[in-house]
């Protein structure tokens, strides 16, 4: 069988197969001229990889987006080389012939031929902002989950607080829960905390606040409240760090907030996910596709079928 030679568009490149503890790299300057070395995932070894690539005149590096293991490699190499991070599903090797060495050799071959499609990797500042925003979202979700846990404990002791107030984290509800934790569960005393616009009649409020509260219930409520307070403090610290990093994107934040329905929080999420350099995307369609907002395309025998979901799964975002 005659071998097919592809046009070489990169002079010297390096293909890297990344694993948790082992890094296999192949430096290639032509279809036949290449060498492969194995490194550990420790910083000192990755520095040796960087120096080796420098000595060999490498200009471009290609590696698969394997879990989170590619990130430390990327962080060490990004300042010296143009890095192409590719989705593993796009560079599958021949079935039955898979080894770490062959994977790196195959990546280096595709790299020199210009056959790899790079995933979008934003700048370090945007990646840091993204980490903060995603962690904050996790903490906010956790606080909401713990708030629901409070409602479950109250329901267990037949306190129907969530049935008579719109927000169990409001001022009145918080004071009522605080009294219950402190053992002050007299209904008359609890009703003194009910202020403002409460549509529920006081007689019904009294019935809702009458239950059978045990020391176990008080202990659980206390633990959950302390957990919520600690996480809210963390959220405050995250907000301070987010504001510090986002201060350099004030103009972009203001422009995004001119869109109907987009507030500051949503604008921060948009910037943290797609960055501020739109030159990374050929047009708005590529941006929408990368963001997972493009409808899927499913056509067979000339007939278009409805997509399985309302959005297309994004496979080009490794972060």
Protein backbone atom coordinates (compact mmCIF):
# COMPACT_ATOMS: atom_id res chain seq x y z
CA UNK A 1 0.00 0.00 0.00
CA UNK A 2 1.38 3.38 -1.00
CA UNK A 3 1.90 5.84 1.86
CA UNK A 4 0.21 9.21 1.61
CA UNK A 5 2.38 12.22 2.39
CA UNK A 6 0.70 15.36 3.63
CA UNK A 7 2.04 18.87 3.18
CA UNK A 8 4.19 19.92 6.14
CA UNK A 9 3.03 23.27 7.50
CA UNK A 10 5.05 23.31 10.76
CA UNK A 11 8.85 22.96 10.76
CA UNK A 12 9.35 21.39 14.19
CA UNK A 13 6.57 20.29 16.49
CA UNK A 14 6.03 18.22 19.61
CA UNK A 15 3.18 15.80 20.26
CA UNK A 16 2.51 15.06 23.94
CA UNK A 17 0.46 12.22 25.41
CA UNK A 18 -0.57 13.31 28.91
CA UNK A 19 -1.38 11.06 31.84
CA UNK A 20 -1.56 11.59 35.58
CA UNK A 21 2.01 10.52 36.33
CA UNK A 22 3.62 10.01 32.91
CA UNK A 23 4.19 12.41 30.03
CA UNK A 24 5.29 10.97 26.66
CA UNK A 25 6.58 13.52 24.13
CA UNK A 26 7.63 13.16 20.50
CA UNK A 27 9.59 15.94 18.78
CA UNK A 28 9.25 15.73 15.00
CA UNK A 29 10.85 17.72 12.17
CA UNK A 30 9.70 15.54 9.26
CA UNK A 31 7.68 12.42 8.54
CA UNK A 32 10.67 10.19 9.34
CA UNK A 33 12.83 12.35 11.59
CA UNK A 34 11.46 12.21 15.14
CA UNK A 35 12.44 11.15 18.64
CA UNK A 36 10.36 10.20 21.67
CA UNK A 37 11.10 10.68 25.35
CA UNK A 38 9.22 9.95 28.55
CA UNK A 39 8.90 12.36 31.47
CA UNK A 40 7.21 12.36 34.86
CA UNK A 41 4.46 14.79 35.79
CA UNK A 42 6.61 16.55 38.40
CA UNK A 43 7.47 20.17 37.77
CA UNK A 44 11.22 19.50 37.51
CA UNK A 45 10.62 16.90 34.79
CA UNK A 46 8.19 19.16 32.91
CA UNK A 47 10.86 21.86 32.98
CA UNK A 48 13.24 19.36 31.35
CA UNK A 49 10.59 18.76 28.68
CA UNK A 50 10.36 22.49 28.03
CA UNK A 51 14.14 22.85 27.77
CA UNK A 52 14.37 19.86 25.42
CA UNK A 53 11.73 21.36 23.13
CA UNK A 54 13.63 24.66 23.13
CA UNK A 55 16.87 22.93 22.17
CA UNK A 56 15.16 21.10 19.30
CA UNK A 57 13.66 24.31 17.91
CA UNK A 58 10.04 23.36 18.58
CA UNK A 59 7.54 26.09 17.75
CA UNK A 60 4.23 24.26 18.22
CA UNK A 61 3.07 21.71 20.79
CA UNK A 62 0.01 19.48 20.53
CA UNK A 63 -1.53 17.51 23.39
CA UNK A 64 -4.85 15.94 24.31
CA UNK A 65 -7.17 17.54 26.85
CA UNK A 66 -7.00 14.63 29.29
CA UNK A 67 -8.98 15.41 32.45
CA UNK A 68 -7.15 18.09 34.44
CA UNK A 69 -3.71 16.58 33.87
CA UNK A 70 -2.97 18.73 30.83
CA UNK A 71 -3.18 21.98 32.84
CA UNK A 72 0.20 21.90 34.63
CA UNK A 73 1.89 20.93 31.35
CA UNK A 74 0.12 23.79 29.59
CA UNK A 75 1.07 26.27 32.34
CA UNK A 76 4.77 25.48 31.97
CA UNK A 77 4.86 25.43 28.17
CA UNK A 78 2.43 28.19 27.20
CA UNK A 79 4.95 31.05 27.40
CA UNK A 80 7.46 29.41 25.05
CA UNK A 81 5.35 27.60 22.44
CA UNK A 82 2.11 27.82 20.50
CA UNK A 83 0.04 25.09 22.14
CA UNK A 84 -2.74 23.23 20.37
CA UNK A 85 -5.01 21.48 22.85
CA UNK A 86 -7.13 18.88 21.07
CA UNK A 87 -10.12 16.78 22.01
CA UNK A 88 -9.09 13.13 22.42
CA UNK A 89 -12.05 11.95 20.35
CA UNK A 90 -10.80 13.93 17.36
CA UNK A 91 -7.39 12.23 17.19
CA UNK A 92 -8.19 8.56 17.74
CA UNK A 93 -5.41 6.23 16.62
CA UNK A 94 -5.91 2.91 14.85
CA UNK A 95 -7.88 0.53 17.13
CA UNK A 96 -5.78 -2.28 18.61
CA UNK A 97 -2.52 -0.36 18.19
CA UNK A 98 -2.73 2.08 21.08
CA UNK A 99 0.28 2.81 23.26
CA UNK A 100 1.42 6.01 24.95
CA UNK A 101 4.40 6.23 22.60
CA UNK A 102 2.29 5.70 19.49
CA UNK A 103 -0.20 8.33 20.70
CA UNK A 104 2.50 11.00 21.00
CA UNK A 105 4.02 9.99 17.63
CA UNK A 106 0.59 10.20 15.99
CA UNK A 107 -0.09 13.62 17.53
CA UNK A 108 3.25 14.96 16.31
CA UNK A 109 2.52 13.71 12.79
CA UNK A 110 -0.90 15.34 12.70
CA UNK A 111 0.60 18.53 14.14
CA UNK A 112 3.22 18.94 11.41
CA UNK A 113 0.56 18.37 8.74
CA UNK A 114 -1.74 21.03 10.19
CA UNK A 115 -4.55 18.53 10.72
CA UNK A 116 -5.36 19.37 14.34
CA UNK A 117 -8.22 21.56 15.46
CA UNK A 118 -7.32 23.52 18.57
CA UNK A 119 -9.64 23.97 21.51
CA UNK A 120 -10.20 27.51 22.73
CA UNK A 121 -8.01 28.32 25.75
CA UNK A 122 -8.48 31.83 27.20
CA UNK A 123 -5.76 33.88 28.88
CA UNK A 124 -4.50 33.06 32.37
CA UNK A 125 -6.52 35.96 33.88
CA UNK A 126 -9.73 34.69 32.31
CA UNK A 127 -8.99 31.12 33.45
CA UNK A 128 -8.49 32.36 37.00
CA UNK A 129 -11.73 34.35 36.85
CA UNK A 130 -13.49 31.24 35.51
CA UNK A 131 -12.21 29.16 38.45
CA UNK A 132 -13.52 31.74 40.90
CA UNK A 133 -16.93 32.04 39.21
CA UNK A 134 -17.42 28.29 38.99
CA UNK A 135 -16.38 27.79 42.61
CA UNK A 136 -18.72 30.57 43.72
CA UNK A 137 -21.58 28.91 41.82
CA UNK A 138 -20.85 25.65 43.66
CA UNK A 139 -20.93 27.46 47.00
CA UNK A 140 -24.16 29.29 46.18
CA UNK A 141 -25.75 25.99 45.18
CA UNK A 142 -24.50 24.42 48.41
CA UNK A 143 -26.05 27.21 50.51
CA UNK A 144 -29.35 26.72 48.67
CA UNK A 145 -29.14 22.98 49.34
CA UNK A 146 -28.48 23.57 53.06
CA UNK A 147 -31.40 26.01 53.19
CA UNK A 148 -33.64 23.27 51.82
CA UNK A 149 -32.22 20.97 54.50
CA UNK A 150 -33.43 23.43 57.16
CA UNK A 151 -36.92 23.20 55.68
CA UNK A 152 -36.75 19.39 55.84
CA UNK A 153 -35.73 19.43 59.51
CA UNK A 154 -38.54 21.86 60.32
CA UNK A 155 -41.00 19.64 58.47
CA UNK A 156 -39.73 16.67 60.47
CA UNK A 157 -40.78 18.41 63.66
CA UNK A 158 -43.99 19.65 61.95
CA UNK A 159 -43.04 23.32 61.88
CA UNK A 160 -44.64 24.55 58.64
CA UNK A 161 -42.59 27.72 58.35
CA UNK A 162 -42.07 27.41 54.58
CA UNK A 163 -45.85 27.27 54.12
CA UNK A 164 -46.45 30.68 55.68
CA UNK A 165 -43.34 32.70 54.68
CA UNK A 166 -41.97 33.26 51.20
CA UNK A 167 -38.30 33.09 52.21
CA UNK A 168 -36.96 31.01 55.09
CA UNK A 169 -33.75 33.08 54.92
CA UNK A 170 -35.64 36.34 55.47
CA UNK A 171 -35.24 38.42 58.64
CA UNK A 172 -38.40 37.16 60.36
CA UNK A 173 -37.85 33.51 59.45
CA UNK A 174 -34.18 33.66 60.53
CA UNK A 175 -35.14 35.03 63.94
CA UNK A 176 -37.80 32.35 64.37
CA UNK A 177 -35.32 29.60 63.48
CA UNK A 178 -32.76 31.18 65.83
CA UNK A 179 -35.22 31.07 68.72
CA UNK A 180 -36.09 27.44 67.98
CA UNK A 181 -32.38 26.54 68.04
CA UNK A 182 -32.00 28.36 71.39
CA UNK A 183 -34.94 26.43 72.85
CA UNK A 184 -37.38 29.35 72.73
CA UNK A 185 -40.16 27.58 70.88
CA UNK A 186 -43.13 29.24 72.59
CA UNK A 187 -45.49 30.14 69.77
CA UNK A 188 -46.42 33.53 71.26
CA UNK A 189 -42.75 34.48 71.42
CA UNK A 190 -42.10 33.24 67.90
CA UNK A 191 -44.95 35.34 66.55
CA UNK A 192 -43.28 38.53 67.82
CA UNK A 193 -40.75 38.15 65.01
CA UNK A 194 -43.42 38.30 62.32
CA UNK A 195 -43.32 41.79 60.82
CA UNK A 196 -43.92 43.46 57.51
CA UNK A 197 -46.30 42.31 54.80
CA UNK A 198 -47.41 38.86 55.86
CA UNK A 199 -50.58 37.72 54.09
CA UNK A 200 -51.06 34.68 56.32
CA UNK A 201 -53.46 35.31 59.26
CA UNK A 202 -51.81 35.18 62.69
CA UNK A 203 -54.03 32.26 63.68
CA UNK A 204 -52.65 30.21 60.80
CA UNK A 205 -49.13 31.39 61.61
CA UNK A 206 -49.57 30.13 65.16
CA UNK A 207 -50.67 26.72 63.86
CA UNK A 208 -47.72 26.57 61.45
CA UNK A 209 -45.26 27.30 64.28
CA UNK A 210 -46.68 24.64 66.58
CA UNK A 211 -44.79 21.36 66.43
CA UNK A 212 -42.82 18.75 68.36
CA UNK A 213 -39.22 19.91 68.55
CA UNK A 214 -36.60 17.60 70.04
CA UNK A 215 -32.97 18.31 71.06
CA UNK A 216 -31.92 16.42 67.92
CA UNK A 217 -33.86 18.85 65.75
CA UNK A 218 -32.23 21.83 67.49
CA UNK A 219 -28.75 20.32 67.06
CA UNK A 220 -29.32 19.67 63.35
CA UNK A 221 -30.66 23.18 62.78
CA UNK A 222 -27.68 24.67 64.59
CA UNK A 223 -25.17 22.67 62.54
CA UNK A 224 -26.87 23.59 59.27
CA UNK A 225 -27.05 27.27 60.20
CA UNK A 226 -23.34 27.35 61.08
CA UNK A 227 -22.52 25.61 57.80
CA UNK A 228 -24.52 28.21 55.86
CA UNK A 229 -22.85 31.09 57.69
CA UNK A 230 -19.36 29.73 57.01
CA UNK A 231 -20.10 29.26 53.31
CA UNK A 232 -21.63 32.73 53.03
CA UNK A 233 -18.37 34.12 54.43
CA UNK A 234 -16.49 32.20 51.74
CA UNK A 235 -18.81 33.59 49.08
CA UNK A 236 -18.06 37.12 50.32
CA UNK A 237 -14.31 36.45 50.01
CA UNK A 238 -14.83 35.02 46.53
CA UNK A 239 -16.79 38.13 45.51
CA UNK A 240 -13.92 40.34 46.68
CA UNK A 241 -11.39 38.38 44.62
CA UNK A 242 -13.72 38.31 41.62
CA UNK A 243 -14.14 42.10 41.78
CA UNK A 244 -10.36 42.48 41.99
CA UNK A 245 -9.74 40.46 38.82
CA UNK A 246 -12.81 41.80 36.98
CA UNK A 247 -11.75 45.43 37.55
CA UNK A 248 -9.67 45.21 34.33
CA UNK A 249 -12.81 44.35 32.34
CA UNK A 250 -15.03 47.25 33.44
CA UNK A 251 -15.76 48.40 29.89
CA UNK A 252 -16.73 44.89 28.75
CA UNK A 253 -18.93 44.44 31.82
CA UNK A 254 -20.74 47.70 31.11
CA UNK A 255 -21.31 46.79 27.45
CA UNK A 256 -22.67 43.34 28.32
CA UNK A 257 -25.10 44.85 30.82
CA UNK A 258 -26.68 46.91 28.04
CA UNK A 259 -28.19 43.60 26.83
CA UNK A 260 -31.74 43.08 28.12
CA UNK A 261 -31.77 40.66 31.05
CA UNK A 262 -28.00 40.67 31.58
CA UNK A 263 -26.92 41.94 34.98
CA UNK A 264 -23.46 42.13 36.52
CA UNK A 265 -23.40 38.50 37.67
CA UNK A 266 -24.43 37.21 34.24
CA UNK A 267 -21.91 39.50 32.54
CA UNK A 268 -19.17 38.11 34.79
CA UNK A 269 -20.16 34.57 33.88
CA UNK A 270 -20.04 35.39 30.15
CA UNK A 271 -16.59 36.97 30.40
CA UNK A 272 -15.23 34.15 32.57
CA UNK A 273 -16.41 31.52 30.06
CA UNK A 274 -15.62 33.09 26.66
CA UNK A 275 -13.13 35.82 27.53
CA UNK A 276 -13.04 39.27 25.95
CA UNK A 277 -10.99 38.58 22.80
CA UNK A 278 -13.53 37.71 20.13
CA UNK A 279 -10.78 37.27 17.54
CA UNK A 280 -10.50 33.72 18.90
CA UNK A 281 -13.77 32.91 17.12
CA UNK A 282 -14.14 33.28 13.32
CA UNK A 283 -17.71 34.57 13.68
CA UNK A 284 -20.76 34.60 15.95
CA UNK A 285 -21.80 31.12 14.81
CA UNK A 286 -18.54 29.60 16.05
CA UNK A 287 -18.95 31.40 19.36
CA UNK A 288 -22.50 30.11 19.77
CA UNK A 289 -21.39 26.58 18.88
CA UNK A 290 -18.48 26.65 21.33
CA UNK A 291 -20.82 27.91 24.06
CA UNK A 292 -23.14 24.95 23.45
CA UNK A 293 -25.98 27.16 22.20
CA UNK A 294 -26.24 25.84 18.65
CA UNK A 295 -28.96 23.27 17.91
CA UNK A 296 -27.69 19.86 16.93
CA UNK A 297 -27.67 18.75 13.30
CA UNK A 298 -29.18 15.31 12.69
CA UNK A 299 -29.93 14.55 9.04
CA UNK A 300 -30.41 11.15 7.43
CA UNK A 301 -31.67 10.25 3.95
CA UNK A 302 -32.39 13.90 3.24
CA UNK A 303 -34.61 14.27 6.31
CA UNK A 304 -33.74 16.43 9.29
CA UNK A 305 -34.60 14.94 12.65
CA UNK A 306 -35.26 16.84 15.85
CA UNK A 307 -32.20 17.04 18.12
CA UNK A 308 -32.15 14.96 21.27
CA UNK A 309 -31.81 18.12 23.36
CA UNK A 310 -32.32 21.83 22.89
CA UNK A 311 -28.56 22.51 22.80
CA UNK A 312 -25.64 20.79 21.21
CA UNK A 313 -23.13 19.22 23.55
CA UNK A 314 -19.90 21.19 23.52
CA UNK A 315 -16.93 18.89 22.88
CA UNK A 316 -14.32 21.56 22.17
CA UNK A 317 -14.15 23.05 25.67
CA UNK A 318 -11.68 21.13 27.83
CA UNK A 319 -11.92 23.44 30.83
